[in-house]
């Protein structure tokens, strides 16, 4: 609501949480948030 253009980031979410967790809770967002980036944590290339 304060900037139409600035890039917004999520909290860090680990790759295993994305794979095995509640995806709607962890990853869901409002379309108004674009442009928006997801930050992932992990070190396993296949999981990431």
ModelCIF file with pLDDT and N, C-alpha, C, O atoms, coordinates in Angstrom:
data_MODEL
#
_entry.id   MODEL 
#
_entity.id                         1 
_entity.type                       polymer 
_entity.pdbx_number_of_molecules   1 
#
_entity_poly.entity_id                      1 
_entity_poly.type                           'polypeptide(L)' 
_entity_poly.nstd_linkage                   no 
_entity_poly.nstd_monomer                   no 
_entity_poly.pdbx_seq_one_letter_code       
;(UNK)(UNK)(UNK)(UNK)(UNK)(UNK)(UNK)(UNK)(UNK)(UNK)(UNK)(UNK)(UNK)(UNK)(UNK)(UNK)
(UNK)(UNK)(UNK)(UNK)(UNK)(UNK)(UNK)(UNK)(UNK)(UNK)(UNK)(UNK)(UNK)(UNK)(UNK)(UNK)
(UNK)(UNK)(UNK)(UNK)(UNK)(UNK)(UNK)(UNK)(UNK)(UNK)(UNK)(UNK)(UNK)(UNK)(UNK)(UNK)
;
_entity_poly.pdbx_seq_one_letter_code_can   XXXXXXXXXXXXXXXXXXXXXXXXXXXXXXXXXXXXXXXXXXXXXXXX 
_entity_poly.pdbx_strand_id                 A 
#
loop_
_entity_poly_seq.entity_id 
_entity_poly_seq.num 
_entity_poly_seq.mon_id 
_entity_poly_seq.hetero 
1 1  UNK n 
1 2  UNK n 
1 3  UNK n 
1 4  UNK n 
1 5  UNK n 
1 6  UNK n 
1 7  UNK n 
1 8  UNK n 
1 9  UNK n 
1 10 UNK n 
1 11 UNK n 
1 12 UNK n 
1 13 UNK n 
1 14 UNK n 
1 15 UNK n 
1 16 UNK n 
1 17 UNK n 
1 18 UNK n 
1 19 UNK n 
1 20 UNK n 
1 21 UNK n 
1 22 UNK n 
1 23 UNK n 
1 24 UNK n 
1 25 UNK n 
1 26 UNK n 
1 27 UNK n 
1 28 UNK n 
1 29 UNK n 
1 30 UNK n 
1 31 UNK n 
1 32 UNK n 
1 33 UNK n 
1 34 UNK n 
1 35 UNK n 
1 36 UNK n 
1 37 UNK n 
1 38 UNK n 
1 39 UNK n 
1 40 UNK n 
1 41 UNK n 
1 42 UNK n 
1 43 UNK n 
1 44 UNK n 
1 45 UNK n 
1 46 UNK n 
1 47 UNK n 
1 48 UNK n 
#
_struct_asym.id          A 
_struct_asym.entity_id   1 
#
loop_
_ma_qa_metric.id 
_ma_qa_metric.mode 
_ma_qa_metric.name 
_ma_qa_metric.software_group_id 
_ma_qa_metric.type 
1 global pLDDT . pLDDT 
2 local  pLDDT . pLDDT 
#
_ma_qa_metric_global.metric_id      1 
_ma_qa_metric_global.metric_value   96.42 
_ma_qa_metric_global.model_id       1 
_ma_qa_metric_global.ordinal_id     1 
#
loop_
_ma_qa_metric_local.label_asym_id 
_ma_qa_metric_local.label_comp_id 
_ma_qa_metric_local.label_seq_id 
_ma_qa_metric_local.metric_id 
_ma_qa_metric_local.metric_value 
_ma_qa_metric_local.model_id 
_ma_qa_metric_local.ordinal_id 
A UNK 1  2 96.00 1 1  
A UNK 2  2 96.00 1 2  
A UNK 3  2 96.00 1 3  
A UNK 4  2 95.00 1 4  
A UNK 5  2 96.00 1 5  
A UNK 6  2 97.00 1 6  
A UNK 7  2 98.00 1 7  
A UNK 8  2 98.00 1 8  
A UNK 9  2 98.00 1 9  
A UNK 10 2 98.00 1 10 
A UNK 11 2 97.00 1 11 
A UNK 12 2 96.00 1 12 
A UNK 13 2 96.00 1 13 
A UNK 14 2 94.00 1 14 
A UNK 15 2 96.00 1 15 
A UNK 16 2 95.00 1 16 
A UNK 17 2 96.00 1 17 
A UNK 18 2 97.00 1 18 
A UNK 19 2 97.00 1 19 
A UNK 20 2 97.00 1 20 
A UNK 21 2 96.00 1 21 
A UNK 22 2 96.00 1 22 
A UNK 23 2 96.00 1 23 
A UNK 24 2 95.00 1 24 
A UNK 25 2 94.00 1 25 
A UNK 26 2 96.00 1 26 
A UNK 27 2 97.00 1 27 
A UNK 28 2 96.00 1 28 
A UNK 29 2 96.00 1 29 
A UNK 30 2 95.00 1 30 
A UNK 31 2 96.00 1 31 
A UNK 32 2 96.00 1 32 
A UNK 33 2 97.00 1 33 
A UNK 34 2 98.00 1 34 
A UNK 35 2 98.00 1 35 
A UNK 36 2 98.00 1 36 
A UNK 37 2 98.00 1 37 
A UNK 38 2 98.00 1 38 
A UNK 39 2 98.00 1 39 
A UNK 40 2 97.00 1 40 
A UNK 41 2 95.00 1 41 
A UNK 42 2 94.00 1 42 
A UNK 43 2 94.00 1 43 
A UNK 44 2 95.00 1 44 
A UNK 45 2 97.00 1 45 
A UNK 46 2 98.00 1 46 
A UNK 47 2 97.00 1 47 
A UNK 48 2 98.00 1 48 
#
loop_
_atom_site.group_PDB 
_atom_site.id 
_atom_site.type_symbol 
_atom_site.label_atom_id 
_atom_site.label_alt_id 
_atom_site.label_comp_id 
_atom_site.label_asym_id 
_atom_site.label_entity_id 
_atom_site.label_seq_id 
_atom_site.pdbx_PDB_ins_code 
_atom_site.Cartn_x 
_atom_site.Cartn_y 
_atom_site.Cartn_z 
_atom_site.occupancy 
_atom_site.B_iso_or_equiv 
_atom_site.pdbx_formal_charge 
_atom_site.auth_seq_id 
_atom_site.auth_comp_id 
_atom_site.auth_asym_id 
_atom_site.auth_atom_id 
_atom_site.pdbx_PDB_model_num 
ATOM 1   N N  . UNK A 1 1  ? 0.824  -1.208  0.000  1.00 96.00 ? 1  UNK A N  1 
ATOM 2   C CA . UNK A 1 1  ? 0.000  0.000   0.000  1.00 96.00 ? 1  UNK A CA 1 
ATOM 3   C C  . UNK A 1 1  ? 0.860  1.261   0.000  1.00 96.00 ? 1  UNK A C  1 
ATOM 4   O O  . UNK A 1 1  ? 0.374  2.348   -0.311 1.00 96.00 ? 1  UNK A O  1 
ATOM 5   N N  . UNK A 1 2  ? 2.131  1.116   0.347  1.00 96.00 ? 2  UNK A N  1 
ATOM 6   C CA . UNK A 1 2  ? 3.021  2.272   0.396  1.00 96.00 ? 2  UNK A CA 1 
ATOM 7   C C  . UNK A 1 2  ? 3.889  2.407   -0.850 1.00 96.00 ? 2  UNK A C  1 
ATOM 8   O O  . UNK A 1 2  ? 4.354  3.502   -1.165 1.00 96.00 ? 2  UNK A O  1 
ATOM 9   N N  . UNK A 1 3  ? 4.105  1.326   -1.545 1.00 96.00 ? 3  UNK A N  1 
ATOM 10  C CA . UNK A 1 3  ? 4.888  1.367   -2.782 1.00 96.00 ? 3  UNK A CA 1 
ATOM 11  C C  . UNK A 1 3  ? 4.340  0.355   -3.777 1.00 96.00 ? 3  UNK A C  1 
ATOM 12  O O  . UNK A 1 3  ? 4.198  -0.827  -3.465 1.00 96.00 ? 3  UNK A O  1 
ATOM 13  N N  . UNK A 1 4  ? 4.041  0.824   -4.953 1.00 95.00 ? 4  UNK A N  1 
ATOM 14  C CA . UNK A 1 4  ? 3.572  -0.079  -6.014 1.00 95.00 ? 4  UNK A CA 1 
ATOM 15  C C  . UNK A 1 4  ? 4.718  -0.858  -6.629 1.00 95.00 ? 4  UNK A C  1 
ATOM 16  O O  . UNK A 1 4  ? 4.499  -1.922  -7.209 1.00 95.00 ? 4  UNK A O  1 
ATOM 17  N N  . UNK A 1 5  ? 5.935  -0.351  -6.515 1.00 96.00 ? 5  UNK A N  1 
ATOM 18  C CA . UNK A 1 5  ? 7.046  -0.882  -7.306 1.00 96.00 ? 5  UNK A CA 1 
ATOM 19  C C  . UNK A 1 5  ? 8.073  -1.686  -6.523 1.00 96.00 ? 5  UNK A C  1 
ATOM 20  O O  . UNK A 1 5  ? 8.680  -2.598  -7.084 1.00 96.00 ? 5  UNK A O  1 
ATOM 21  N N  . UNK A 1 6  ? 8.288  -1.384  -5.257 1.00 97.00 ? 6  UNK A N  1 
ATOM 22  C CA . UNK A 1 6  ? 9.359  -2.046  -4.501 1.00 97.00 ? 6  UNK A CA 1 
ATOM 23  C C  . UNK A 1 6  ? 9.166  -3.559  -4.485 1.00 97.00 ? 6  UNK A C  1 
ATOM 24  O O  . UNK A 1 6  ? 8.040  -4.053  -4.424 1.00 97.00 ? 6  UNK A O  1 
ATOM 25  N N  . UNK A 1 7  ? 10.264 -4.276  -4.539 1.00 98.00 ? 7  UNK A N  1 
ATOM 26  C CA . UNK A 1 7  ? 10.245 -5.737  -4.508 1.00 98.00 ? 7  UNK A CA 1 
ATOM 27  C C  . UNK A 1 7  ? 10.130 -6.201  -3.056 1.00 98.00 ? 7  UNK A C  1 
ATOM 28  O O  . UNK A 1 7  ? 10.916 -5.788  -2.203 1.00 98.00 ? 7  UNK A O  1 
ATOM 29  N N  . UNK A 1 8  ? 9.158  -7.050  -2.785 1.00 98.00 ? 8  UNK A N  1 
ATOM 30  C CA . UNK A 1 8  ? 8.916  -7.535  -1.428 1.00 98.00 ? 8  UNK A CA 1 
ATOM 31  C C  . UNK A 1 8  ? 9.344  -8.995  -1.316 1.00 98.00 ? 8  UNK A C  1 
ATOM 32  O O  . UNK A 1 8  ? 9.156  -9.773  -2.250 1.00 98.00 ? 8  UNK A O  1 
ATOM 33  N N  . UNK A 1 9  ? 9.912  -9.360  -0.185 1.00 98.00 ? 9  UNK A N  1 
ATOM 34  C CA . UNK A 1 9  ? 10.385 -10.724 0.056  1.00 98.00 ? 9  UNK A CA 1 
ATOM 35  C C  . UNK A 1 9  ? 9.594  -11.374 1.189  1.00 98.00 ? 9  UNK A C  1 
ATOM 36  O O  . UNK A 1 9  ? 9.171  -10.713 2.137  1.00 98.00 ? 9  UNK A O  1 
ATOM 37  N N  . UNK A 1 10 ? 9.410  -12.667 1.064  1.00 98.00 ? 10 UNK A N  1 
ATOM 38  C CA . UNK A 1 10 ? 8.805  -13.445 2.140  1.00 98.00 ? 10 UNK A CA 1 
ATOM 39  C C  . UNK A 1 10 ? 9.813  -13.638 3.269  1.00 98.00 ? 10 UNK A C  1 
ATOM 40  O O  . UNK A 1 10 ? 10.995 -13.330 3.120  1.00 98.00 ? 10 UNK A O  1 
ATOM 41  N N  . UNK A 1 11 ? 9.337  -14.143 4.383  1.00 97.00 ? 11 UNK A N  1 
ATOM 42  C CA . UNK A 1 11 ? 10.240 -14.724 5.363  1.00 97.00 ? 11 UNK A CA 1 
ATOM 43  C C  . UNK A 1 11 ? 10.955 -15.913 4.707  1.00 97.00 ? 11 UNK A C  1 
ATOM 44  O O  . UNK A 1 11 ? 10.452 -16.487 3.741  1.00 97.00 ? 11 UNK A O  1 
ATOM 45  N N  . UNK A 1 12 ? 12.127 -16.277 5.237  1.00 96.00 ? 12 UNK A N  1 
ATOM 46  C CA . UNK A 1 12 ? 12.781 -17.474 4.726  1.00 96.00 ? 12 UNK A CA 1 
ATOM 47  C C  . UNK A 1 12 ? 11.944 -18.712 5.057  1.00 96.00 ? 12 UNK A C  1 
ATOM 48  O O  . UNK A 1 12 ? 11.456 -18.872 6.176  1.00 96.00 ? 12 UNK A O  1 
ATOM 49  N N  . UNK A 1 13 ? 11.792 -19.575 4.064  1.00 96.00 ? 13 UNK A N  1 
ATOM 50  C CA . UNK A 1 13 ? 11.123 -20.860 4.235  1.00 96.00 ? 13 UNK A CA 1 
ATOM 51  C C  . UNK A 1 13 ? 12.101 -21.941 3.786  1.00 96.00 ? 13 UNK A C  1 
ATOM 52  O O  . UNK A 1 13 ? 12.693 -21.827 2.713  1.00 96.00 ? 13 UNK A O  1 
ATOM 53  N N  . UNK A 1 14 ? 12.277 -22.979 4.584  1.00 94.00 ? 14 UNK A N  1 
ATOM 54  C CA . UNK A 1 14 ? 13.216 -24.031 4.196  1.00 94.00 ? 14 UNK A CA 1 
ATOM 55  C C  . UNK A 1 14 ? 12.623 -24.892 3.084  1.00 94.00 ? 14 UNK A C  1 
ATOM 56  O O  . UNK A 1 14 ? 11.408 -25.068 2.991  1.00 94.00 ? 14 UNK A O  1 
ATOM 57  N N  . UNK A 1 15 ? 13.496 -25.417 2.255  1.00 96.00 ? 15 UNK A N  1 
ATOM 58  C CA . UNK A 1 15 ? 13.036 -26.276 1.171  1.00 96.00 ? 15 UNK A CA 1 
ATOM 59  C C  . UNK A 1 15 ? 12.269 -27.495 1.687  1.00 96.00 ? 15 UNK A C  1 
ATOM 60  O O  . UNK A 1 15 ? 11.229 -27.822 1.115  1.00 96.00 ? 15 UNK A O  1 
ATOM 61  N N  . UNK A 1 16 ? 12.727 -28.186 2.740  1.00 95.00 ? 16 UNK A N  1 
ATOM 62  C CA . UNK A 1 16 ? 11.941 -29.320 3.239  1.00 95.00 ? 16 UNK A CA 1 
ATOM 63  C C  . UNK A 1 16 ? 10.557 -28.910 3.722  1.00 95.00 ? 16 UNK A C  1 
ATOM 64  O O  . UNK A 1 16 ? 9.603  -29.671 3.564  1.00 95.00 ? 16 UNK A O  1 
ATOM 65  N N  . UNK A 1 17 ? 10.427 -27.709 4.316  1.00 96.00 ? 17 UNK A N  1 
ATOM 66  C CA . UNK A 1 17 ? 9.106  -27.255 4.762  1.00 96.00 ? 17 UNK A CA 1 
ATOM 67  C C  . UNK A 1 17 ? 8.181  -27.052 3.573  1.00 96.00 ? 17 UNK A C  1 
ATOM 68  O O  . UNK A 1 17 ? 7.000  -27.392 3.638  1.00 96.00 ? 17 UNK A O  1 
ATOM 69  N N  . UNK A 1 18 ? 8.707  -26.504 2.496  1.00 97.00 ? 18 UNK A N  1 
ATOM 70  C CA . UNK A 1 18 ? 7.889  -26.316 1.296  1.00 97.00 ? 18 UNK A CA 1 
ATOM 71  C C  . UNK A 1 18 ? 7.433  -27.666 0.746  1.00 97.00 ? 18 UNK A C  1 
ATOM 72  O O  . UNK A 1 18 ? 6.287  -27.816 0.321  1.00 97.00 ? 18 UNK A O  1 
ATOM 73  N N  . UNK A 1 19 ? 8.323  -28.630 0.757  1.00 97.00 ? 19 UNK A N  1 
ATOM 74  C CA . UNK A 1 19 ? 8.013  -29.935 0.166  1.00 97.00 ? 19 UNK A CA 1 
ATOM 75  C C  . UNK A 1 19 ? 7.021  -30.711 1.021  1.00 97.00 ? 19 UNK A C  1 
ATOM 76  O O  . UNK A 1 19 ? 6.096  -31.332 0.497  1.00 97.00 ? 19 UNK A O  1 
ATOM 77  N N  . UNK A 1 20 ? 7.213  -30.674 2.336  1.00 97.00 ? 20 UNK A N  1 
ATOM 78  C CA . UNK A 1 20 ? 6.433  -31.545 3.222  1.00 97.00 ? 20 UNK A CA 1 
ATOM 79  C C  . UNK A 1 20 ? 5.387  -30.818 4.062  1.00 97.00 ? 20 UNK A C  1 
ATOM 80  O O  . UNK A 1 20 ? 4.533  -31.469 4.664  1.00 97.00 ? 20 UNK A O  1 
ATOM 81  N N  . UNK A 1 21 ? 5.431  -29.489 4.118  1.00 96.00 ? 21 UNK A N  1 
ATOM 82  C CA . UNK A 1 21 ? 4.574  -28.745 5.034  1.00 96.00 ? 21 UNK A CA 1 
ATOM 83  C C  . UNK A 1 21 ? 3.265  -28.291 4.418  1.00 96.00 ? 21 UNK A C  1 
ATOM 84  O O  . UNK A 1 21 ? 2.881  -28.731 3.334  1.00 96.00 ? 21 UNK A O  1 
ATOM 85  N N  . UNK A 1 22 ? 2.591  -27.406 5.129  1.00 96.00 ? 22 UNK A N  1 
ATOM 86  C CA . UNK A 1 22 ? 1.316  -26.832 4.704  1.00 96.00 ? 22 UNK A CA 1 
ATOM 87  C C  . UNK A 1 22 ? 1.617  -25.724 3.694  1.00 96.00 ? 22 UNK A C  1 
ATOM 88  O O  . UNK A 1 22 ? 1.924  -24.593 4.071  1.00 96.00 ? 22 UNK A O  1 
ATOM 89  N N  . UNK A 1 23 ? 1.527  -26.059 2.428  1.00 96.00 ? 23 UNK A N  1 
ATOM 90  C CA . UNK A 1 23 ? 1.978  -25.126 1.402  1.00 96.00 ? 23 UNK A CA 1 
ATOM 91  C C  . UNK A 1 23 ? 1.126  -23.859 1.333  1.00 96.00 ? 23 UNK A C  1 
ATOM 92  O O  . UNK A 1 23 ? 1.653  -22.766 1.131  1.00 96.00 ? 23 UNK A O  1 
ATOM 93  N N  . UNK A 1 24 ? -0.164 -24.003 1.497  1.00 95.00 ? 24 UNK A N  1 
ATOM 94  C CA . UNK A 1 24 ? -1.015 -22.816 1.446  1.00 95.00 ? 24 UNK A CA 1 
ATOM 95  C C  . UNK A 1 24 ? -0.649 -21.840 2.557  1.00 95.00 ? 24 UNK A C  1 
ATOM 96  O O  . UNK A 1 24 ? -0.628 -20.629 2.337  1.00 95.00 ? 24 UNK A O  1 
ATOM 97  N N  . UNK A 1 25 ? -0.361 -22.354 3.741  1.00 94.00 ? 25 UNK A N  1 
ATOM 98  C CA . UNK A 1 25 ? 0.015  -21.474 4.852  1.00 94.00 ? 25 UNK A CA 1 
ATOM 99  C C  . UNK A 1 25 ? 1.393  -20.869 4.633  1.00 94.00 ? 25 UNK A C  1 
ATOM 100 O O  . UNK A 1 25 ? 1.606  -19.688 4.905  1.00 94.00 ? 25 UNK A O  1 
ATOM 101 N N  . UNK A 1 26 ? 2.322  -21.670 4.146  1.00 96.00 ? 26 UNK A N  1 
ATOM 102 C CA . UNK A 1 26 ? 3.696  -21.213 3.995  1.00 96.00 ? 26 UNK A CA 1 
ATOM 103 C C  . UNK A 1 26 ? 3.895  -20.322 2.776  1.00 96.00 ? 26 UNK A C  1 
ATOM 104 O O  . UNK A 1 26 ? 4.709  -19.399 2.808  1.00 96.00 ? 26 UNK A O  1 
ATOM 105 N N  . UNK A 1 27 ? 3.163  -20.590 1.712  1.00 97.00 ? 27 UNK A N  1 
ATOM 106 C CA . UNK A 1 27 ? 3.452  -19.947 0.433  1.00 97.00 ? 27 UNK A CA 1 
ATOM 107 C C  . UNK A 1 27 ? 2.342  -19.041 -0.083 1.00 97.00 ? 27 UNK A C  1 
ATOM 108 O O  . UNK A 1 27 ? 2.564  -18.266 -1.013 1.00 97.00 ? 27 UNK A O  1 
ATOM 109 N N  . UNK A 1 28 ? 1.151  -19.125 0.504  1.00 96.00 ? 28 UNK A N  1 
ATOM 110 C CA . UNK A 1 28 ? 0.043  -18.341 -0.001 1.00 96.00 ? 28 UNK A CA 1 
ATOM 111 C C  . UNK A 1 28 ? 0.271  -16.845 0.138  1.00 96.00 ? 28 UNK A C  1 
ATOM 112 O O  . UNK A 1 28 ? 0.862  -16.386 1.115  1.00 96.00 ? 28 UNK A O  1 
ATOM 113 N N  . UNK A 1 29 ? -0.202 -16.090 -0.842 1.00 96.00 ? 29 UNK A N  1 
ATOM 114 C CA . UNK A 1 29 ? -0.093 -14.636 -0.769 1.00 96.00 ? 29 UNK A CA 1 
ATOM 115 C C  . UNK A 1 29 ? -1.187 -14.010 -1.614 1.00 96.00 ? 29 UNK A C  1 
ATOM 116 O O  . UNK A 1 29 ? -1.803 -14.672 -2.450 1.00 96.00 ? 29 UNK A O  1 
ATOM 117 N N  . UNK A 1 30 ? -1.419 -12.734 -1.389 1.00 95.00 ? 30 UNK A N  1 
ATOM 118 C CA . UNK A 1 30 ? -2.425 -11.981 -2.124 1.00 95.00 ? 30 UNK A CA 1 
ATOM 119 C C  . UNK A 1 30 ? -1.829 -11.490 -3.441 1.00 95.00 ? 30 UNK A C  1 
ATOM 120 O O  . UNK A 1 30 ? -0.672 -11.073 -3.483 1.00 95.00 ? 30 UNK A O  1 
ATOM 121 N N  . UNK A 1 31 ? -2.614 -11.539 -4.509 1.00 96.00 ? 31 UNK A N  1 
ATOM 122 C CA . UNK A 1 31 ? -2.115 -11.110 -5.820 1.00 96.00 ? 31 UNK A CA 1 
ATOM 123 C C  . UNK A 1 31 ? -1.644 -9.660  -5.802 1.00 96.00 ? 31 UNK A C  1 
ATOM 124 O O  . UNK A 1 31 ? -0.802 -9.273  -6.613 1.00 96.00 ? 31 UNK A O  1 
ATOM 125 N N  . UNK A 1 32 ? -2.183 -8.850  -4.878 1.00 96.00 ? 32 UNK A N  1 
ATOM 126 C CA . UNK A 1 32 ? -1.777 -7.445  -4.791 1.00 96.00 ? 32 UNK A CA 1 
ATOM 127 C C  . UNK A 1 32 ? -0.327 -7.283  -4.367 1.00 96.00 ? 32 UNK A C  1 
ATOM 128 O O  . UNK A 1 32 ? 0.235  -6.196  -4.506 1.00 96.00 ? 32 UNK A O  1 
ATOM 129 N N  . UNK A 1 33 ? 0.295  -8.347  -3.849 1.00 97.00 ? 33 UNK A N  1 
ATOM 130 C CA . UNK A 1 33 ? 1.671  -8.232  -3.360 1.00 97.00 ? 33 UNK A CA 1 
ATOM 131 C C  . UNK A 1 33 ? 2.711  -8.169  -4.472 1.00 97.00 ? 33 UNK A C  1 
ATOM 132 O O  . UNK A 1 33 ? 3.836  -7.739  -4.216 1.00 97.00 ? 33 UNK A O  1 
ATOM 133 N N  . UNK A 1 34 ? 2.386  -8.574  -5.680 1.00 98.00 ? 34 UNK A N  1 
ATOM 134 C CA . UNK A 1 34 ? 3.380  -8.552  -6.765 1.00 98.00 ? 34 UNK A CA 1 
ATOM 135 C C  . UNK A 1 34 ? 3.958  -7.152  -6.948 1.00 98.00 ? 34 UNK A C  1 
ATOM 136 O O  . UNK A 1 34 ? 3.248  -6.156  -6.814 1.00 98.00 ? 34 UNK A O  1 
ATOM 137 N N  . UNK A 1 35 ? 5.281  -7.085  -7.261 1.00 98.00 ? 35 UNK A N  1 
ATOM 138 C CA . UNK A 1 35 ? 6.249  -8.173  -7.387 1.00 98.00 ? 35 UNK A CA 1 
ATOM 139 C C  . UNK A 1 35 ? 6.708  -8.680  -6.013 1.00 98.00 ? 35 UNK A C  1 
ATOM 140 O O  . UNK A 1 35 ? 7.052  -7.904  -5.122 1.00 98.00 ? 35 UNK A O  1 
ATOM 141 N N  . UNK A 1 36 ? 6.700  -10.022 -5.878 1.00 98.00 ? 36 UNK A N  1 
ATOM 142 C CA . UNK A 1 36 ? 7.031  -10.644 -4.600 1.00 98.00 ? 36 UNK A CA 1 
ATOM 143 C C  . UNK A 1 36 ? 7.932  -11.847 -4.841 1.00 98.00 ? 36 UNK A C  1 
ATOM 144 O O  . UNK A 1 36 ? 7.734  -12.607 -5.789 1.00 98.00 ? 36 UNK A O  1 
ATOM 145 N N  . UNK A 1 37 ? 8.922  -12.008 -3.974 1.00 98.00 ? 37 UNK A N  1 
ATOM 146 C CA . UNK A 1 37 ? 9.914  -13.077 -4.107 1.00 98.00 ? 37 UNK A CA 1 
ATOM 147 C C  . UNK A 1 37 ? 9.862  -13.984 -2.886 1.00 98.00 ? 37 UNK A C  1 
ATOM 148 O O  . UNK A 1 37 ? 9.638  -13.530 -1.764 1.00 98.00 ? 37 UNK A O  1 
ATOM 149 N N  . UNK A 1 38 ? 10.070 -15.266 -3.123 1.00 98.00 ? 38 UNK A N  1 
ATOM 150 C CA . UNK A 1 38 ? 10.175 -16.244 -2.039 1.00 98.00 ? 38 UNK A CA 1 
ATOM 151 C C  . UNK A 1 38 ? 11.644 -16.480 -1.728 1.00 98.00 ? 38 UNK A C  1 
ATOM 152 O O  . UNK A 1 38 ? 12.441 -16.729 -2.633 1.00 98.00 ? 38 UNK A O  1 
ATOM 153 N N  . UNK A 1 39 ? 12.007 -16.403 -0.446 1.00 98.00 ? 39 UNK A N  1 
ATOM 154 C CA . UNK A 1 39 ? 13.358 -16.779 -0.048 1.00 98.00 ? 39 UNK A CA 1 
ATOM 155 C C  . UNK A 1 39 ? 13.354 -18.195 0.498  1.00 98.00 ? 39 UNK A C  1 
ATOM 156 O O  . UNK A 1 39 ? 12.614 -18.514 1.429  1.00 98.00 ? 39 UNK A O  1 
ATOM 157 N N  . UNK A 1 40 ? 14.187 -19.040 -0.091 1.00 97.00 ? 40 UNK A N  1 
ATOM 158 C CA . UNK A 1 40 ? 14.338 -20.423 0.337  1.00 97.00 ? 40 UNK A CA 1 
ATOM 159 C C  . UNK A 1 40 ? 15.631 -20.600 1.122  1.00 97.00 ? 40 UNK A C  1 
ATOM 160 O O  . UNK A 1 40 ? 16.632 -19.934 0.859  1.00 97.00 ? 40 UNK A O  1 
ATOM 161 N N  . UNK A 1 41 ? 15.591 -21.510 2.091  1.00 95.00 ? 41 UNK A N  1 
ATOM 162 C CA . UNK A 1 41 ? 16.780 -21.947 2.796  1.00 95.00 ? 41 UNK A CA 1 
ATOM 163 C C  . UNK A 1 41 ? 17.016 -23.417 2.521  1.00 95.00 ? 41 UNK A C  1 
ATOM 164 O O  . UNK A 1 41 ? 16.073 -24.208 2.509  1.00 95.00 ? 41 UNK A O  1 
ATOM 165 N N  . UNK A 1 42 ? 18.258 -23.786 2.303  1.00 94.00 ? 42 UNK A N  1 
ATOM 166 C CA . UNK A 1 42 ? 18.588 -25.181 2.056  1.00 94.00 ? 42 UNK A CA 1 
ATOM 167 C C  . UNK A 1 42 ? 19.967 -25.305 1.446  1.00 94.00 ? 42 UNK A C  1 
ATOM 168 O O  . UNK A 1 42 ? 20.603 -24.312 1.094  1.00 94.00 ? 42 UNK A O  1 
ATOM 169 N N  . UNK A 1 43 ? 20.416 -26.532 1.328  1.00 94.00 ? 43 UNK A N  1 
ATOM 170 C CA . UNK A 1 43 ? 21.726 -26.776 0.711  1.00 94.00 ? 43 UNK A CA 1 
ATOM 171 C C  . UNK A 1 43 ? 21.741 -28.051 -0.114 1.00 94.00 ? 43 UNK A C  1 
ATOM 172 O O  . UNK A 1 43 ? 22.800 -28.486 -0.567 1.00 94.00 ? 43 UNK A O  1 
ATOM 173 N N  . UNK A 1 44 ? 20.574 -28.654 -0.312 1.00 95.00 ? 44 UNK A N  1 
ATOM 174 C CA . UNK A 1 44 ? 20.465 -29.858 -1.132 1.00 95.00 ? 44 UNK A CA 1 
ATOM 175 C C  . UNK A 1 44 ? 19.902 -29.455 -2.492 1.00 95.00 ? 44 UNK A C  1 
ATOM 176 O O  . UNK A 1 44 ? 18.751 -29.025 -2.573 1.00 95.00 ? 44 UNK A O  1 
ATOM 177 N N  . UNK A 1 45 ? 20.692 -29.584 -3.567 1.00 97.00 ? 45 UNK A N  1 
ATOM 178 C CA . UNK A 1 45 ? 20.220 -29.107 -4.875 1.00 97.00 ? 45 UNK A CA 1 
ATOM 179 C C  . UNK A 1 45 ? 18.895 -29.725 -5.315 1.00 97.00 ? 45 UNK A C  1 
ATOM 180 O O  . UNK A 1 45 ? 18.047 -29.032 -5.877 1.00 97.00 ? 45 UNK A O  1 
ATOM 181 N N  . UNK A 1 46 ? 18.711 -31.019 -5.064 1.00 98.00 ? 46 UNK A N  1 
ATOM 182 C CA . UNK A 1 46 ? 17.470 -31.671 -5.489 1.00 98.00 ? 46 UNK A CA 1 
ATOM 183 C C  . UNK A 1 46 ? 16.277 -31.131 -4.709 1.00 98.00 ? 46 UNK A C  1 
ATOM 184 O O  . UNK A 1 46 ? 15.220 -30.875 -5.286 1.00 98.00 ? 46 UNK A O  1 
ATOM 185 N N  . UNK A 1 47 ? 16.444 -30.957 -3.390 1.00 97.00 ? 47 UNK A N  1 
ATOM 186 C CA . UNK A 1 47 ? 15.352 -30.400 -2.583 1.00 97.00 ? 47 UNK A CA 1 
ATOM 187 C C  . UNK A 1 47 ? 15.034 -28.969 -3.004 1.00 97.00 ? 47 UNK A C  1 
ATOM 188 O O  . UNK A 1 47 ? 13.864 -28.604 -3.122 1.00 97.00 ? 47 UNK A O  1 
ATOM 189 N N  . UNK A 1 48 ? 16.049 -28.171 -3.230 1.00 98.00 ? 48 UNK A N  1 
ATOM 190 C CA . UNK A 1 48 ? 15.825 -26.782 -3.615 1.00 98.00 ? 48 UNK A CA 1 
ATOM 191 C C  . UNK A 1 48 ? 15.144 -26.701 -4.979 1.00 98.00 ? 48 UNK A C  1 
ATOM 192 O O  . UNK A 1 48 ? 14.875 -25.605 -5.471 1.00 98.00 ? 48 UNK A O  1 
#
